[in-house]
PDB file of all heavy atoms in Angstrom:
ATOM      1  N   SER A   1     162.628  18.735 120.096  1.00  0.00           N
ATOM      2  CA  SER A   1     163.157  17.602 119.315  1.00  0.00           C
ATOM      3  C   SER A   1     163.594  18.023 117.937  1.00  0.00           C
ATOM      4  O   SER A   1     164.045  17.134 117.142  1.00  0.00           O
ATOM      5  CB  SER A   1     162.198  16.437 119.229  1.00  0.00           C
ATOM      6  OG  SER A   1     161.057  16.648 118.429  1.00  0.00           O
ATOM      7  N   SER A   2     163.638  19.358 117.544  1.00  0.00           N
ATOM      8  CA  SER A   2     163.993  19.773 116.181  1.00  0.00           C
ATOM      9  C   SER A   2     165.452  19.483 115.956  1.00  0.00           C
ATOM     10  O   SER A   2     165.841  19.079 114.820  1.00  0.00           O
ATOM     11  CB  SER A   2     163.616  21.237 116.014  1.00  0.00           C
ATOM     12  OG  SER A   2     164.394  22.096 116.785  1.00  0.00           O
ATOM     13  N   LEU A   3     166.341  19.781 116.968  1.00  0.00           N
ATOM     14  CA  LEU A   3     167.802  19.482 116.715  1.00  0.00           C
ATOM     15  C   LEU A   3     168.050  18.089 116.613  1.00  0.00           C
ATOM     16  O   LEU A   3     168.988  17.563 115.889  1.00  0.00           O
ATOM     17  CB  LEU A   3     168.519  20.179 117.853  1.00  0.00           C
ATOM     18  CG  LEU A   3     168.375  21.750 117.948  1.00  0.00           C
ATOM     19  CD1 LEU A   3     169.359  22.303 118.999  1.00  0.00           C
ATOM     20  CD2 LEU A   3     168.500  22.416 116.576  1.00  0.00           C
ATOM     21  N   ARG A   4     167.307  17.255 117.374  1.00  0.00           N
ATOM     22  CA  ARG A   4     167.568  15.755 117.329  1.00  0.00           C
ATOM     23  C   ARG A   4     167.077  15.288 115.954  1.00  0.00           C
ATOM     24  O   ARG A   4     167.724  14.373 115.392  1.00  0.00           O
ATOM     25  CB  ARG A   4     166.686  15.095 118.469  1.00  0.00           C
ATOM     26  CG  ARG A   4     166.851  13.657 118.533  1.00  0.00           C
ATOM     27  CD  ARG A   4     166.383  13.055 119.875  1.00  0.00           C
ATOM     28  NE  ARG A   4     165.049  13.492 120.257  1.00  0.00           N
ATOM     29  CZ  ARG A   4     164.724  14.136 121.279  1.00  0.00           C
ATOM     30  NH1 ARG A   4     165.650  14.744 122.050  1.00  0.00           N
ATOM     31  NH2 ARG A   4     163.437  14.469 121.575  1.00  0.00           N
ATOM     32  N   PHE A   5     165.964  15.881 115.291  1.00  0.00           N
ATOM     33  CA  PHE A   5     165.584  15.501 114.100  1.00  0.00           C
ATOM     34  C   PHE A   5     166.751  15.902 113.041  1.00  0.00           C
ATOM     35  O   PHE A   5     166.997  15.118 112.063  1.00  0.00           O
ATOM     36  CB  PHE A   5     164.322  16.261 113.771  1.00  0.00           C
ATOM     37  CG  PHE A   5     163.734  16.127 112.331  1.00  0.00           C
ATOM     38  CD1 PHE A   5     163.198  14.857 111.929  1.00  0.00           C
ATOM     39  CD2 PHE A   5     163.701  17.106 111.381  1.00  0.00           C
ATOM     40  CE1 PHE A   5     162.734  14.721 110.631  1.00  0.00           C
ATOM     41  CE2 PHE A   5     163.287  16.901 110.168  1.00  0.00           C
ATOM     42  CZ  PHE A   5     162.729  15.727 109.803  1.00  0.00           C
ATOM     43  N   LEU A   6     167.211  17.115 113.157  1.00  0.00           N
ATOM     44  CA  LEU A   6     168.350  17.497 112.201  1.00  0.00           C
ATOM     45  C   LEU A   6     169.529  16.569 112.365  1.00  0.00           C
ATOM     46  O   LEU A   6     170.157  16.235 111.297  1.00  0.00           O
ATOM     47  CB  LEU A   6     168.796  18.849 112.558  1.00  0.00           C
ATOM     48  CG  LEU A   6     167.753  20.071 112.247  1.00  0.00           C
ATOM     49  CD1 LEU A   6     168.378  21.433 112.695  1.00  0.00           C
ATOM     50  CD2 LEU A   6     167.521  20.081 110.660  1.00  0.00           C
ATOM     51  N   GLU A   7     169.763  16.192 113.550  1.00  0.00           N
ATOM     52  CA  GLU A   7     170.963  15.164 113.772  1.00  0.00           C
ATOM     53  C   GLU A   7     170.627  13.894 112.977  1.00  0.00           C
ATOM     54  O   GLU A   7     171.530  13.266 112.372  1.00  0.00           O
ATOM     55  CB  GLU A   7     171.151  14.917 115.072  1.00  0.00           C
ATOM     56  CG  GLU A   7     172.361  14.039 115.516  1.00  0.00           C
ATOM     57  CD  GLU A   7     173.671  14.654 115.006  1.00  0.00           C
ATOM     58  OE1 GLU A   7     173.856  15.918 115.090  1.00  0.00           O
ATOM     59  OE2 GLU A   7     174.653  13.893 114.702  1.00  0.00           O
ATOM     60  N   ALA A   8     169.416  13.377 113.102  1.00  0.00           N
ATOM     61  CA  ALA A   8     169.084  12.100 112.402  1.00  0.00           C
ATOM     62  C   ALA A   8     169.136  12.308 110.892  1.00  0.00           C
ATOM     63  O   ALA A   8     169.559  11.439 110.195  1.00  0.00           O
ATOM     64  CB  ALA A   8     167.620  11.747 112.936  1.00  0.00           C
ATOM     65  N   LEU A   9     168.680  13.383 110.407  1.00  0.00           N
ATOM     66  CA  LEU A   9     168.705  13.727 108.982  1.00  0.00           C
ATOM     67  C   LEU A   9     170.249  13.666 108.463  1.00  0.00           C
ATOM     68  O   LEU A   9     170.446  13.247 107.391  1.00  0.00           O
ATOM     69  CB  LEU A   9     168.110  15.069 108.720  1.00  0.00           C
ATOM     70  CG  LEU A   9     166.540  15.141 108.507  1.00  0.00           C
ATOM     71  CD1 LEU A   9     166.102  16.582 108.354  1.00  0.00           C
ATOM     72  CD2 LEU A   9     166.117  14.282 107.360  1.00  0.00           C
ATOM     73  N   ARG A  10     171.138  14.249 109.327  1.00  0.00           N
ATOM     74  CA  ARG A  10     172.483  14.303 108.920  1.00  0.00           C
ATOM     75  C   ARG A  10     173.065  12.986 108.672  1.00  0.00           C
ATOM     76  O   ARG A  10     173.941  12.811 107.866  1.00  0.00           O
ATOM     77  CB  ARG A  10     173.319  15.169 109.948  1.00  0.00           C
ATOM     78  CG  ARG A  10     174.686  15.379 109.438  1.00  0.00           C
ATOM     79  CD  ARG A  10     175.403  16.390 110.337  1.00  0.00           C
ATOM     80  NE  ARG A  10     175.565  15.878 111.728  1.00  0.00           N
ATOM     81  CZ  ARG A  10     176.220  16.628 112.645  1.00  0.00           C
ATOM     82  NH1 ARG A  10     176.914  17.720 112.321  1.00  0.00           N
ATOM     83  NH2 ARG A  10     176.277  16.181 113.886  1.00  0.00           N
ATOM     84  N   GLY A  11     172.618  12.015 109.479  1.00  0.00           N
ATOM     85  CA  GLY A  11     173.115  10.619 109.239  1.00  0.00           C
ATOM     86  C   GLY A  11     172.397   9.718 108.319  1.00  0.00           C
ATOM     87  O   GLY A  11     172.593   8.573 108.061  1.00  0.00           O
ATOM     88  N   SER A  12     171.341  10.402 107.652  1.00  0.00           N
ATOM     89  CA  SER A  12     170.560   9.709 106.599  1.00  0.00           C
ATOM     90  C   SER A  12     171.101   9.959 105.142  1.00  0.00           C
ATOM     91  O   SER A  12     172.000  10.656 104.933  1.00  0.00           O
ATOM     92  CB  SER A  12     169.086  10.119 106.767  1.00  0.00           C
ATOM     93  OG  SER A  12     168.974  11.371 106.109  1.00  0.00           O
ATOM     94  N   HIS A  13     170.379   9.384 104.148  1.00  0.00           N
ATOM     95  CA  HIS A  13     170.648   9.604 102.824  1.00  0.00           C
ATOM     96  C   HIS A  13     170.111  10.951 102.276  1.00  0.00           C
ATOM     97  O   HIS A  13     170.402  11.302 101.090  1.00  0.00           O
ATOM     98  CB  HIS A  13     170.075   8.407 101.976  1.00  0.00           C
ATOM     99  CG  HIS A  13     168.601   8.462 101.893  1.00  0.00           C
ATOM    100  ND1 HIS A  13     167.682   8.037 102.956  1.00  0.00           N
ATOM    101  CD2 HIS A  13     167.644   8.888 100.955  1.00  0.00           C
ATOM    102  CE1 HIS A  13     166.510   8.222 102.584  1.00  0.00           C
ATOM    103  NE2 HIS A  13     166.409   8.752 101.401  1.00  0.00           N
ATOM    104  N   CYS A  14     169.335  11.653 103.110  1.00  0.00           N
ATOM    105  CA  CYS A  14     168.617  12.780 102.572  1.00  0.00           C
ATOM    106  C   CYS A  14     169.508  14.002 102.626  1.00  0.00           C
ATOM    107  O   CYS A  14     170.290  14.114 103.468  1.00  0.00           O
ATOM    108  CB  CYS A  14     167.374  13.038 103.469  1.00  0.00           C
ATOM    109  SG  CYS A  14     166.124  11.775 103.341  1.00  0.00           S
ATOM    110  N   GLU A  15     169.356  14.981 101.723  1.00  0.00           N
ATOM    111  CA  GLU A  15     169.875  16.309 101.801  1.00  0.00           C
ATOM    112  C   GLU A  15     168.926  17.128 102.571  1.00  0.00           C
ATOM    113  O   GLU A  15     167.755  17.038 102.361  1.00  0.00           O
ATOM    114  CB  GLU A  15     170.193  16.897 100.405  1.00  0.00           C
ATOM    115  CG  GLU A  15     171.422  16.483  99.718  1.00  0.00           C
ATOM    116  CD  GLU A  15     171.892  17.498  98.648  1.00  0.00           C
ATOM    117  OE1 GLU A  15     171.326  18.562  98.487  1.00  0.00           O
ATOM    118  OE2 GLU A  15     172.901  17.060  97.993  1.00  0.00           O
ATOM    119  N   SER A  16     169.446  17.945 103.469  1.00  0.00           N
ATOM    120  CA  SER A  16     168.638  18.781 104.241  1.00  0.00           C
ATOM    121  C   SER A  16     168.897  20.203 103.903  1.00  0.00           C
ATOM    122  O   SER A  16     170.038  20.733 104.006  1.00  0.00           O
ATOM    123  CB  SER A  16     168.851  18.539 105.770  1.00  0.00           C
ATOM    124  OG  SER A  16     168.746  17.125 105.962  1.00  0.00           O
ATOM    125  N   TRP A  17     167.892  21.014 103.575  1.00  0.00           N
ATOM    126  CA  TRP A  17     168.063  22.468 103.274  1.00  0.00           C
ATOM    127  C   TRP A  17     167.307  23.316 104.121  1.00  0.00           C
ATOM    128  O   TRP A  17     166.049  22.906 104.438  1.00  0.00           O
ATOM    129  CB  TRP A  17     167.693  22.712 101.812  1.00  0.00           C
ATOM    130  CG  TRP A  17     168.314  21.903 100.714  1.00  0.00           C
ATOM    131  CD1 TRP A  17     169.203  21.033 100.844  1.00  0.00           C
ATOM    132  CD2 TRP A  17     168.063  22.122  99.369  1.00  0.00           C
ATOM    133  NE1 TRP A  17     169.615  20.544  99.517  1.00  0.00           N
ATOM    134  CE2 TRP A  17     168.838  21.196  98.668  1.00  0.00           C
ATOM    135  CE3 TRP A  17     167.251  22.950  98.573  1.00  0.00           C
ATOM    136  CZ2 TRP A  17     168.901  21.040  97.283  1.00  0.00           C
ATOM    137  CZ3 TRP A  17     167.252  22.924  97.197  1.00  0.00           C
ATOM    138  CH2 TRP A  17     167.978  21.921  96.545  1.00  0.00           C
ATOM    139  N   LEU A  18     167.670  24.371 104.719  1.00  0.00           N
ATOM    140  CA  LEU A  18     166.848  25.368 105.310  1.00  0.00           C
ATOM    141  C   LEU A  18     166.423  26.302 104.242  1.00  0.00           C
ATOM    142  O   LEU A  18     167.233  26.920 103.492  1.00  0.00           O
ATOM    143  CB  LEU A  18     167.709  26.046 106.410  1.00  0.00           C
ATOM    144  CG  LEU A  18     166.837  26.948 107.194  1.00  0.00           C
ATOM    145  CD1 LEU A  18     166.050  26.182 108.274  1.00  0.00           C
ATOM    146  CD2 LEU A  18     167.802  27.930 108.043  1.00  0.00           C
ATOM    147  N   VAL A  19     165.113  26.480 104.145  1.00  0.00           N
ATOM    148  CA  VAL A  19     164.536  27.421 103.147  1.00  0.00           C
ATOM    149  C   VAL A  19     163.587  28.333 103.875  1.00  0.00           C
ATOM    150  O   VAL A  19     162.546  27.992 104.351  1.00  0.00           O
ATOM    151  CB  VAL A  19     163.801  26.652 102.084  1.00  0.00           C
ATOM    152  CG1 VAL A  19     163.244  27.602 101.006  1.00  0.00           C
ATOM    153  CG2 VAL A  19     164.609  25.590 101.411  1.00  0.00           C
ATOM    154  N   THR A  20     164.050  29.557 104.122  1.00  0.00           N
ATOM    155  CA  THR A  20     163.290  30.493 105.075  1.00  0.00           C
ATOM    156  C   THR A  20     163.032  31.807 104.343  1.00  0.00           C
ATOM    157  O   THR A  20     163.737  32.306 103.495  1.00  0.00           O
ATOM    158  CB  THR A  20     164.318  30.737 106.207  1.00  0.00           C
ATOM    159  OG1 THR A  20     163.654  31.707 107.124  1.00  0.00           O
ATOM    160  CG2 THR A  20     165.691  31.200 105.834  1.00  0.00           C
ATOM    161  N   ASN A  21     162.004  32.456 104.825  1.00  0.00           N
ATOM    162  CA  ASN A  21     161.608  33.774 104.460  1.00  0.00           C
ATOM    163  C   ASN A  21     162.415  34.853 105.232  1.00  0.00           C
ATOM    164  O   ASN A  21     162.320  36.039 104.963  1.00  0.00           O
ATOM    165  CB  ASN A  21     160.165  33.952 104.629  1.00  0.00           C
ATOM    166  CG  ASN A  21     159.330  33.602 103.447  1.00  0.00           C
ATOM    167  OD1 ASN A  21     159.742  33.710 102.309  1.00  0.00           O
ATOM    168  ND2 ASN A  21     158.090  33.168 103.795  1.00  0.00           N
ATOM    169  N   ALA A  22     163.153  34.346 106.321  1.00  0.00           N
ATOM    170  CA  ALA A  22     163.793  35.392 107.070  1.00  0.00           C
ATOM    171  C   ALA A  22     164.820  36.173 106.393  1.00  0.00           C
ATOM    172  O   ALA A  22     165.533  35.744 105.442  1.00  0.00           O
ATOM    173  CB  ALA A  22     164.616  34.554 108.277  1.00  0.00           C
ATOM    174  N   HIS A  23     164.998  37.503 106.792  1.00  0.00           N
ATOM    175  CA  HIS A  23     165.909  38.350 106.145  1.00  0.00           C
ATOM    176  C   HIS A  23     167.301  38.016 106.733  1.00  0.00           C
ATOM    177  O   HIS A  23     167.403  37.416 107.817  1.00  0.00           O
ATOM    178  CB  HIS A  23     165.603  39.737 106.575  1.00  0.00           C
ATOM    179  CG  HIS A  23     166.483  40.888 106.075  1.00  0.00           C
ATOM    180  ND1 HIS A  23     167.558  41.331 106.669  1.00  0.00           N
ATOM    181  CD2 HIS A  23     166.334  41.519 104.883  1.00  0.00           C
ATOM    182  CE1 HIS A  23     168.118  42.248 105.956  1.00  0.00           C
ATOM    183  NE2 HIS A  23     167.449  42.394 104.804  1.00  0.00           N
ATOM    184  N   GLN A  24     168.306  38.238 105.844  1.00  0.00           N
ATOM    185  CA  GLN A  24     169.671  37.752 106.240  1.00  0.00           C
ATOM    186  C   GLN A  24     170.096  38.255 107.621  1.00  0.00           C
ATOM    187  O   GLN A  24     170.708  37.558 108.399  1.00  0.00           O
ATOM    188  CB  GLN A  24     170.700  38.120 105.164  1.00  0.00           C
ATOM    189  CG  GLN A  24     171.951  37.599 105.316  1.00  0.00           C
ATOM    190  CD  GLN A  24     172.016  35.998 105.190  1.00  0.00           C
ATOM    191  OE1 GLN A  24     171.493  35.404 104.245  1.00  0.00           O
ATOM    192  NE2 GLN A  24     172.626  35.282 106.141  1.00  0.00           N
ATOM    193  N   ALA A  25     169.749  39.550 107.902  1.00  0.00           N
ATOM    194  CA  ALA A  25     170.159  40.149 109.151  1.00  0.00           C
ATOM    195  C   ALA A  25     169.586  39.381 110.418  1.00  0.00           C
ATOM    196  O   ALA A  25     170.142  39.109 111.390  1.00  0.00           O
ATOM    197  CB  ALA A  25     169.874  41.575 109.249  1.00  0.00           C
ATOM    198  N   GLY A  26     168.282  39.064 110.159  1.00  0.00           N
ATOM    199  CA  GLY A  26     167.591  38.261 111.209  1.00  0.00           C
ATOM    200  C   GLY A  26     168.195  36.850 111.309  1.00  0.00           C
ATOM    201  O   GLY A  26     168.241  36.166 112.313  1.00  0.00           O
TER     202      GLY A  26
END
């Protein structure tokens, strides 16, 4: 359900940011 959650956020008033420790190549 994570992608469904992202879709719901996109239709909301909230700004959604991905904030990750992942290295750019990964």
